[in-house]
Amino acid sequence: MGIEFVSYDGAYPNLCSGTLVLKIDGKEVTFPNYCMSSGGSVWFDEDWGEHIEDGPWTLSDIPAEYAHLKAEIEDVINDNVSEGCCGGCI
């Protein structure tokens, strides 16, 4: 079972809203938009200063036929897509 990273076009201000494309067993697979969730977070201090912490990606939406590969796919994503939490959703 081979999984290869092809592309991800998520960018500031919504890193998680990109289109993920992987090659799985030689077949190019385009995942649904918003399929990734950041492990990062955004918080404000007592002076309302914004703090953004990056974190690893997890898959929140995966085609059923690839669900059994979720852990391996997440490893490939995290090896190829910079950890992030841009704060775009606040």
Protein backbone atom coordinates (compact mmCIF):
# COMPACT_ATOMS: atom_id res chain seq x y z
CA MET A 1 0.00 0.00 0.00
CA GLY A 2 1.74 3.16 -1.18
CA ILE A 3 0.71 6.67 -0.19
CA GLU A 4 2.41 9.67 -1.78
CA PHE A 5 1.87 13.37 -1.25
CA VAL A 6 0.90 15.25 -4.42
CA SER A 7 -0.30 18.69 -3.29
CA TYR A 8 -2.14 20.80 -0.76
CA ASP A 9 -3.19 24.38 -1.56
CA GLY A 10 -4.45 25.62 1.80
CA ALA A 11 -3.00 29.02 2.68
CA TYR A 12 -3.39 31.93 5.07
CA PRO A 13 -5.90 33.00 6.28
CA ASN A 14 -7.54 29.57 6.17
CA LEU A 15 -4.87 26.89 6.14
CA CYS A 16 -7.44 24.15 6.69
CA SER A 17 -9.59 25.01 3.67
CA GLY A 18 -7.33 23.74 0.93
CA THR A 19 -7.63 20.81 -1.43
CA LEU A 20 -5.51 17.78 -0.53
CA VAL A 21 -4.34 15.49 -3.32
CA LEU A 22 -2.57 12.20 -2.58
CA LYS A 23 -1.56 9.26 -4.70
CA ILE A 24 -2.76 6.01 -3.11
CA ASP A 25 -1.62 2.80 -4.77
CA GLY A 26 -0.86 4.75 -7.93
CA LYS A 27 -4.30 6.40 -8.09
CA GLU A 28 -4.56 10.16 -7.63
CA VAL A 29 -7.17 10.91 -4.95
CA THR A 30 -8.60 14.38 -4.29
CA PHE A 31 -9.98 14.70 -0.78
CA PRO A 32 -13.01 16.84 0.12
CA ASN A 33 -12.38 20.53 0.89
CA TYR A 34 -11.96 21.19 4.60
CA CYS A 35 -10.86 17.57 5.14
CA MET A 36 -8.04 18.55 7.51
CA SER A 37 -8.15 19.94 11.03
CA SER A 38 -5.25 21.72 12.67
CA GLY A 39 -3.99 20.57 16.03
CA GLY A 40 -3.05 24.17 16.75
CA SER A 41 -4.97 26.76 18.66
CA VAL A 42 -5.54 30.48 19.01
CA TRP A 43 -5.92 32.27 22.31
CA PHE A 44 -5.87 35.80 23.70
CA ASP A 45 -3.99 37.05 26.73
CA GLU A 46 -5.36 39.49 29.29
CA ASP A 47 -4.46 42.44 27.02
CA TRP A 48 -6.23 40.83 24.05
CA GLY A 49 -2.93 39.99 22.39
CA GLU A 50 -3.47 37.12 19.95
CA HIS A 51 -1.36 33.97 20.34
CA ILE A 52 -1.30 31.31 17.64
CA GLU A 53 0.13 27.85 18.32
CA ASP A 54 0.84 25.40 15.52
CA GLY A 55 -0.05 21.74 15.76
CA PRO A 56 -0.14 18.56 13.67
CA TRP A 57 -2.91 17.89 11.16
CA THR A 58 -5.62 15.26 11.49
CA LEU A 59 -8.12 14.13 8.90
CA SER A 60 -11.67 15.11 9.76
CA ASP A 61 -13.20 13.97 6.45
CA ILE A 62 -11.89 10.98 4.54
CA PRO A 63 -13.48 8.95 1.74
CA ALA A 64 -14.85 5.73 3.24
CA GLU A 65 -12.74 3.50 1.00
CA TYR A 66 -9.57 4.98 2.57
CA ALA A 67 -10.71 5.17 6.19
CA HIS A 68 -8.57 2.17 7.13
CA LEU A 69 -5.48 4.17 6.04
CA LYS A 70 -6.22 7.23 8.18
CA ALA A 71 -3.10 6.97 10.38
CA GLU A 72 -0.78 6.43 7.42
CA ILE A 73 -2.39 9.29 5.48
CA GLU A 74 -2.01 11.62 8.48
CA ASP A 75 1.68 10.68 8.68
CA VAL A 76 2.14 11.61 5.01
CA ILE A 77 0.25 14.89 5.50
CA ASN A 78 2.31 15.87 8.54
CA ASP A 79 5.55 15.01 6.71
CA ASN A 80 4.60 17.33 3.85
CA VAL A 81 2.32 20.11 5.12
CA SER A 82 3.68 22.57 7.68
CA GLU A 83 1.94 22.45 11.03
CA GLY A 84 -0.40 25.29 11.33
CA CYS A 85 -3.14 27.22 12.90
CA CYS A 86 -3.42 30.54 11.19
CA GLY A 87 -6.24 31.87 13.36
CA GLY A 88 -8.30 32.53 10.24
CA CYS A 89 -11.42 30.98 11.76
CA ILE A 90 -11.69 33.37 14.72
